Amino acid sequence: MQWCLCRDEKPADALTVRHGPETDDYNRDFIERDERRLADLGRKTVEMYVIAHIIADLEVRSQSRIALW
């Protein structure tokens, strides 16, 4: 038996626990999609961090060269 936290149709309920065959293939597709999105978001976050670090380093080097000039 598999357990899954799913949003209920009613707006008053937050999360409900469901189990059974309706959660197998249907939710697996959503989980895989969410995992791909999270992996892509993580990849973009790391890329932005690295680019910001490189640009900051270039700016510091540029400022030091201007000061020595």
PDB file of N, CA and C in Angstrom:
ATOM      1  N   MET A   1       0.847  -1.177   0.000  1.00  0.00           N
ATOM      2  CA  MET A   1       0.000   0.000   0.000  1.00  0.00           C
ATOM      3  C   MET A   1       0.888   1.234   0.000  1.00  0.00           C
ATOM      4  N   GLN A   2       0.629   2.178  -0.895  1.00  0.00           N
ATOM      5  CA  GLN A   2       1.386   3.408  -0.980  1.00  0.00           C
ATOM      6  C   GLN A   2       0.577   4.557  -0.402  1.00  0.00           C
ATOM      7  N   TRP A   3       1.267   5.438   0.294  1.00  0.00           N
ATOM      8  CA  TRP A   3       0.616   6.612   0.865  1.00  0.00           C
ATOM      9  C   TRP A   3       1.107   7.837   0.131  1.00  0.00           C
ATOM     10  N   CYS A   4       0.220   8.801  -0.030  1.00  0.00           N
ATOM     11  CA  CYS A   4       0.577  10.012  -0.756  1.00  0.00           C
ATOM     12  C   CYS A   4      -0.157  11.195  -0.136  1.00  0.00           C
ATOM     13  N   LEU A   5       0.522  12.323   0.015  1.00  0.00           N
ATOM     14  CA  LEU A   5      -0.136  13.545   0.451  1.00  0.00           C
ATOM     15  C   LEU A   5      -0.649  14.271  -0.778  1.00  0.00           C
ATOM     16  N   CYS A   6      -1.941  14.489  -0.849  1.00  0.00           N
ATOM     17  CA  CYS A   6      -2.548  15.116  -2.019  1.00  0.00           C
ATOM     18  C   CYS A   6      -3.466  16.245  -1.574  1.00  0.00           C
ATOM     19  N   ARG A   7      -3.632  17.242  -2.423  1.00  0.00           N
ATOM     20  CA  ARG A   7      -4.569  18.329  -2.133  1.00  0.00           C
ATOM     21  C   ARG A   7      -5.982  17.806  -2.314  1.00  0.00           C
ATOM     22  N   ASP A   8      -6.818  18.150  -1.388  1.00  0.00           N
ATOM     23  CA  ASP A   8      -8.210  17.762  -1.482  1.00  0.00           C
ATOM     24  C   ASP A   8      -8.966  18.783  -2.317  1.00  0.00           C
ATOM     25  N   GLU A   9     -10.099  18.413  -2.842  1.00  0.00           N
ATOM     26  CA  GLU A   9     -10.889  19.299  -3.686  1.00  0.00           C
ATOM     27  C   GLU A   9     -11.457  20.471  -2.888  1.00  0.00           C
ATOM     28  N   LYS A  10     -11.723  20.266  -1.616  1.00  0.00           N
ATOM     29  CA  LYS A  10     -12.335  21.302  -0.785  1.00  0.00           C
ATOM     30  C   LYS A  10     -11.294  22.326  -0.362  1.00  0.00           C
ATOM     31  N   PRO A  11     -11.596  23.604  -0.469  1.00  0.00           N
ATOM     32  CA  PRO A  11     -10.609  24.610  -0.078  1.00  0.00           C
ATOM     33  C   PRO A  11     -10.347  24.657   1.424  1.00  0.00           C
ATOM     34  N   ALA A  12     -11.262  24.166   2.244  1.00  0.00           N
ATOM     35  CA  ALA A  12     -11.083  24.215   3.691  1.00  0.00           C
ATOM     36  C   ALA A  12     -10.048  23.194   4.152  1.00  0.00           C
ATOM     37  N   ASP A  13      -9.900  22.089   3.423  1.00  0.00           N
ATOM     38  CA  ASP A  13      -8.938  21.058   3.803  1.00  0.00           C
ATOM     39  C   ASP A  13      -7.587  21.380   3.200  1.00  0.00           C
ATOM     40  N   ALA A  14      -6.538  21.237   3.985  1.00  0.00           N
ATOM     41  CA  ALA A  14      -5.198  21.513   3.470  1.00  0.00           C
ATOM     42  C   ALA A  14      -4.676  20.305   2.703  1.00  0.00           C
ATOM     43  N   LEU A  15      -4.147  19.338   3.411  1.00  0.00           N
ATOM     44  CA  LEU A  15      -3.628  18.132   2.780  1.00  0.00           C
ATOM     45  C   LEU A  15      -4.310  16.923   3.392  1.00  0.00           C
ATOM     46  N   THR A  16      -4.631  15.963   2.573  1.00  0.00           N
ATOM     47  CA  THR A  16      -5.221  14.727   3.062  1.00  0.00           C
ATOM     48  C   THR A  16      -4.355  13.569   2.610  1.00  0.00           C
ATOM     49  N   VAL A  17      -4.394  12.487   3.351  1.00  0.00           N
ATOM     50  CA  VAL A  17      -3.630  11.300   3.004  1.00  0.00           C
ATOM     51  C   VAL A  17      -4.539  10.365   2.224  1.00  0.00           C
ATOM     52  N   ARG A  18      -4.066   9.978   1.037  1.00  0.00           N
ATOM     53  CA  ARG A  18      -4.822   9.034   0.213  1.00  0.00           C
ATOM     54  C   ARG A  18      -3.934   7.844  -0.085  1.00  0.00           C
ATOM     55  N   HIS A  19      -4.546   6.726  -0.322  1.00  0.00           N
ATOM     56  CA  HIS A  19      -3.793   5.541  -0.710  1.00  0.00           C
ATOM     57  C   HIS A  19      -4.625   4.741  -1.692  1.00  0.00           C
ATOM     58  N   GLY A  20      -3.958   3.853  -2.373  1.00  0.00           N
ATOM     59  CA  GLY A  20      -4.677   2.992  -3.293  1.00  0.00           C
ATOM     60  C   GLY A  20      -4.220   3.162  -4.719  1.00  0.00           C
ATOM     61  N   PRO A  21      -4.950   2.546  -5.629  1.00  0.00           N
ATOM     62  CA  PRO A  21      -4.521   2.550  -7.032  1.00  0.00           C
ATOM     63  C   PRO A  21      -4.595   3.913  -7.701  1.00  0.00           C
ATOM     64  N   GLU A  22      -5.418   4.827  -7.196  1.00  0.00           N
ATOM     65  CA  GLU A  22      -5.520   6.133  -7.865  1.00  0.00           C
ATOM     66  C   GLU A  22      -4.259   6.972  -7.687  1.00  0.00           C
ATOM     67  N   THR A  23      -3.399   6.603  -6.758  1.00  0.00           N
ATOM     68  CA  THR A  23      -2.184   7.380  -6.530  1.00  0.00           C
ATOM     69  C   THR A  23      -0.986   6.837  -7.282  1.00  0.00           C
ATOM     70  N   ASP A  24      -1.069   5.655  -7.864  1.00  0.00           N
ATOM     71  CA  ASP A  24       0.103   5.018  -8.448  1.00  0.00           C
ATOM     72  C   ASP A  24       0.649   5.759  -9.661  1.00  0.00           C
ATOM     73  N   ASP A  25       0.073   5.540 -10.817  1.00  0.00           N
ATOM     74  CA  ASP A  25       0.613   6.114 -12.050  1.00  0.00           C
ATOM     75  C   ASP A  25       0.315   7.601 -12.163  1.00  0.00           C
ATOM     76  N   TYR A  26      -0.853   7.992 -11.724  1.00  0.00           N
ATOM     77  CA  TYR A  26      -1.282   9.381 -11.857  1.00  0.00           C
ATOM     78  C   TYR A  26      -0.344  10.311 -11.109  1.00  0.00           C
ATOM     79  N   ASN A  27      -0.078  10.005  -9.861  1.00  0.00           N
ATOM     80  CA  ASN A  27       0.773  10.868  -9.044  1.00  0.00           C
ATOM     81  C   ASN A  27       2.247  10.705  -9.386  1.00  0.00           C
ATOM     82  N   ARG A  28       2.638   9.536  -9.878  1.00  0.00           N
ATOM     83  CA  ARG A  28       4.032   9.326 -10.253  1.00  0.00           C
ATOM     84  C   ARG A  28       4.436  10.301 -11.355  1.00  0.00           C
ATOM     85  N   ASP A  29       3.521  10.544 -12.299  1.00  0.00           N
ATOM     86  CA  ASP A  29       3.804  11.507 -13.369  1.00  0.00           C
ATOM     87  C   ASP A  29       4.017  12.911 -12.805  1.00  0.00           C
ATOM     88  N   PHE A  30       3.168  13.293 -11.856  1.00  0.00           N
ATOM     89  CA  PHE A  30       3.302  14.621 -11.244  1.00  0.00           C
ATOM     90  C   PHE A  30       4.584  14.720 -10.422  1.00  0.00           C
ATOM     91  N   ILE A  31       4.931  13.652  -9.729  1.00  0.00           N
ATOM     92  CA  ILE A  31       6.146  13.650  -8.917  1.00  0.00           C
ATOM     93  C   ILE A  31       7.373  13.772  -9.816  1.00  0.00           C
ATOM     94  N   GLU A  32       7.396  13.024 -10.912  1.00  0.00           N
ATOM     95  CA  GLU A  32       8.524  13.108 -11.840  1.00  0.00           C
ATOM     96  C   GLU A  32       8.626  14.498 -12.460  1.00  0.00           C
ATOM     97  N   ARG A  33       7.480  15.093 -12.804  1.00  0.00           N
ATOM     98  CA  ARG A  33       7.488  16.446 -13.362  1.00  0.00           C
ATOM     99  C   ARG A  33       8.027  17.444 -12.342  1.00  0.00           C
ATOM    100  N   ASP A  34       7.574  17.319 -11.087  1.00  0.00           N
ATOM    101  CA  ASP A  34       8.045  18.222 -10.039  1.00  0.00           C
ATOM    102  C   ASP A  34       9.540  18.049  -9.781  1.00  0.00           C
ATOM    103  N   GLU A  35      10.024  16.793  -9.824  1.00  0.00           N
ATOM    104  CA  GLU A  35      11.447  16.554  -9.630  1.00  0.00           C
ATOM    105  C   GLU A  35      12.267  17.183 -10.747  1.00  0.00           C
ATOM    106  N   ARG A  36      11.776  17.089 -11.978  1.00  0.00           N
ATOM    107  CA  ARG A  36      12.485  17.728 -13.095  1.00  0.00           C
ATOM    108  C   ARG A  36      12.511  19.243 -12.926  1.00  0.00           C
ATOM    109  N   ARG A  37      11.389  19.807 -12.501  1.00  0.00           N
ATOM    110  CA  ARG A  37      11.331  21.261 -12.292  1.00  0.00           C
ATOM    111  C   ARG A  37      12.272  21.694 -11.184  1.00  0.00           C
ATOM    112  N   LEU A  38      12.309  20.940 -10.088  1.00  0.00           N
ATOM    113  CA  LEU A  38      13.207  21.282  -8.986  1.00  0.00           C
ATOM    114  C   LEU A  38      14.665  21.154  -9.397  1.00  0.00           C
ATOM    115  N   ALA A  39      14.994  20.125 -10.173  1.00  0.00           N
ATOM    116  CA  ALA A  39      16.364  19.957 -10.646  1.00  0.00           C
ATOM    117  C   ALA A  39      16.745  21.117 -11.554  1.00  0.00           C
ATOM    118  N   ASP A  40      15.836  21.521 -12.427  1.00  0.00           N
ATOM    119  CA  ASP A  40      16.104  22.645 -13.323  1.00  0.00           C
ATOM    120  C   ASP A  40      16.263  23.939 -12.530  1.00  0.00           C
ATOM    121  N   LEU A  41      15.427  24.146 -11.531  1.00  0.00           N
ATOM    122  CA  LEU A  41      15.525  25.334 -10.687  1.00  0.00           C
ATOM    123  C   LEU A  41      16.852  25.354  -9.931  1.00  0.00           C
ATOM    124  N   GLY A  42      17.265  24.209  -9.414  1.00  0.00           N
ATOM    125  CA  GLY A  42      18.538  24.120  -8.715  1.00  0.00           C
ATOM    126  C   GLY A  42      19.707  24.412  -9.644  1.00  0.00           C
ATOM    127  N   ARG A  43      19.634  23.882 -10.858  1.00  0.00           N
ATOM    128  CA  ARG A  43      20.683  24.123 -11.842  1.00  0.00           C
ATOM    129  C   ARG A  43      20.777  25.604 -12.183  1.00  0.00           C
ATOM    130  N   LYS A  44      19.637  26.245 -12.393  1.00  0.00           N
ATOM    131  CA  LYS A  44      19.631  27.676 -12.717  1.00  0.00           C
ATOM    132  C   LYS A  44      20.138  28.507 -11.546  1.00  0.00           C
ATOM    133  N   THR A  45      19.800  28.105 -10.326  1.00  0.00           N
ATOM    134  CA  THR A  45      20.259  28.819  -9.138  1.00  0.00           C
ATOM    135  C   THR A  45      21.784  28.772  -9.025  1.00  0.00           C
ATOM    136  N   VAL A  46      22.351  27.587  -9.246  1.00  0.00           N
ATOM    137  CA  VAL A  46      23.807  27.449  -9.187  1.00  0.00           C
ATOM    138  C   VAL A  46      24.458  28.269 -10.292  1.00  0.00           C
ATOM    139  N   GLU A  47      23.885  28.246 -11.493  1.00  0.00           N
ATOM    140  CA  GLU A  47      24.434  29.031 -12.595  1.00  0.00           C
ATOM    141  C   GLU A  47      24.423  30.520 -12.259  1.00  0.00           C
ATOM    142  N   MET A  48      23.328  31.012 -11.701  1.00  0.00           N
ATOM    143  CA  MET A  48      23.240  32.429 -11.355  1.00  0.00           C
ATOM    144  C   MET A  48      24.255  32.790 -10.273  1.00  0.00           C
ATOM    145  N   TYR A  49      24.446  31.913  -9.299  1.00  0.00           N
ATOM    146  CA  TYR A  49      25.412  32.158  -8.236  1.00  0.00           C
ATOM    147  C   TYR A  49      26.824  32.247  -8.803  1.00  0.00           C
ATOM    148  N   VAL A  50      27.162  31.309  -9.677  1.00  0.00           N
ATOM    149  CA  VAL A  50      28.505  31.290 -10.257  1.00  0.00           C
ATOM    150  C   VAL A  50      28.737  32.538 -11.112  1.00  0.00           C
ATOM    151  N   ILE A  51      27.758  32.888 -11.921  1.00  0.00           N
ATOM    152  CA  ILE A  51      27.892  34.077 -12.770  1.00  0.00           C
ATOM    153  C   ILE A  51      28.037  35.335 -11.917  1.00  0.00           C
ATOM    154  N   ALA A  52      27.245  35.456 -10.865  1.00  0.00           N
ATOM    155  CA  ALA A  52      27.351  36.625  -9.980  1.00  0.00           C
ATOM    156  C   ALA A  52      28.723  36.682  -9.324  1.00  0.00           C
ATOM    157  N   HIS A  53      29.261  35.531  -8.926  1.00  0.00           N
ATOM    158  CA  HIS A  53      30.581  35.485  -8.308  1.00  0.00           C
ATOM    159  C   HIS A  53      31.662  35.902  -9.310  1.00  0.00           C
ATOM    160  N   ILE A  54      31.564  35.409 -10.525  1.00  0.00           N
ATOM    161  CA  ILE A  54      32.543  35.768 -11.554  1.00  0.00           C
ATOM    162  C   ILE A  54      32.487  37.264 -11.864  1.00  0.00           C
ATOM    163  N   ILE A  55      31.288  37.793 -12.010  1.00  0.00           N
ATOM    164  CA  ILE A  55      31.135  39.223 -12.312  1.00  0.00           C
ATOM    165  C   ILE A  55      31.666  40.081 -11.163  1.00  0.00           C
ATOM    166  N   ALA A  56      31.389  39.675  -9.926  1.00  0.00           N
ATOM    167  CA  ALA A  56      31.890  40.441  -8.779  1.00  0.00           C
ATOM    168  C   ALA A  56      33.411  40.420  -8.750  1.00  0.00           C
ATOM    169  N   ASP A  57      34.008  39.272  -9.061  1.00  0.00           N
ATOM    170  CA  ASP A  57      35.465  39.169  -9.086  1.00  0.00           C
ATOM    171  C   ASP A  57      36.051  40.042 -10.190  1.00  0.00           C
ATOM    172  N   LEU A  58      35.428  40.036 -11.360  1.00  0.00           N
ATOM    173  CA  LEU A  58      35.895  40.885 -12.460  1.00  0.00           C
ATOM    174  C   LEU A  58      35.788  42.369 -12.103  1.00  0.00           C
ATOM    175  N   GLU A  59      34.728  42.726 -11.401  1.00  0.00           N
ATOM    176  CA  GLU A  59      34.549  44.121 -11.004  1.00  0.00           C
ATOM    177  C   GLU A  59      35.624  44.554 -10.015  1.00  0.00           C
ATOM    178  N   VAL A  60      35.960  43.691  -9.070  1.00  0.00           N
ATOM    179  CA  VAL A  60      37.004  44.011  -8.102  1.00  0.00           C
ATOM    180  C   VAL A  60      38.340  44.157  -8.813  1.00  0.00           C
ATOM    181  N   ARG A  61      38.640  43.262  -9.741  1.00  0.00           N
ATOM    182  CA  ARG A  61      39.899  43.362 -10.480  1.00  0.00           C
ATOM    183  C   ARG A  61      39.943  44.634 -11.327  1.00  0.00           C
ATOM    184  N   SER A  62      38.827  44.977 -11.920  1.00  0.00           N
ATOM    185  CA  SER A  62      38.764  46.191 -12.731  1.00  0.00           C
ATOM    186  C   SER A  62      38.981  47.433 -11.874  1.00  0.00           C
ATOM    187  N   GLN A  63      38.368  47.461 -10.714  1.00  0.00           N
ATOM    188  CA  GLN A  63      38.520  48.614  -9.816  1.00  0.00           C
ATOM    189  C   GLN A  63      39.954  48.728  -9.326  1.00  0.00           C
ATOM    190  N   SER A  64      40.604  47.597  -9.046  1.00  0.00           N
ATOM    191  CA  SER A  64      41.985  47.656  -8.577  1.00  0.00           C
ATOM    192  C   SER A  64      42.923  48.121  -9.696  1.00  0.00           C
ATOM    193  N   ARG A  65      42.659  47.725 -10.938  1.00  0.00           N
ATOM    194  CA  ARG A  65      43.472  48.186 -12.050  1.00  0.00           C
ATOM    195  C   ARG A  65      43.302  49.684 -12.276  1.00  0.00           C
ATOM    196  N   ILE A  66      42.071  50.169 -12.131  1.00  0.00           N
ATOM    197  CA  ILE A  66      41.811  51.597 -12.282  1.00  0.00           C
ATOM    198  C   ILE A  66      42.533  52.375 -11.187  1.00  0.00           C
ATOM    199  N   ALA A  67      42.539  51.833  -9.973  1.00  0.00           N
ATOM    200  CA  ALA A  67      43.206  52.515  -8.858  1.00  0.00           C
ATOM    201  C   ALA A  67      44.719  52.561  -9.059  1.00  0.00           C
ATOM    202  N   LEU A  68      45.283  51.520  -9.672  1.00  0.00           N
ATOM    203  CA  LEU A  68      46.734  51.492  -9.900  1.00  0.00           C
ATOM    204  C   LEU A  68      47.143  52.317 -11.113  1.00  0.00           C
ATOM    205  N   TRP A  69      46.235  52.635 -11.948  1.00  0.00           N
ATOM    206  CA  TRP A  69      46.534  53.343 -13.182  1.00  0.00           C
ATOM    207  C   TRP A  69      46.783  54.740 -12.922  1.00  0.00           C
TER     208      TRP A  69
END
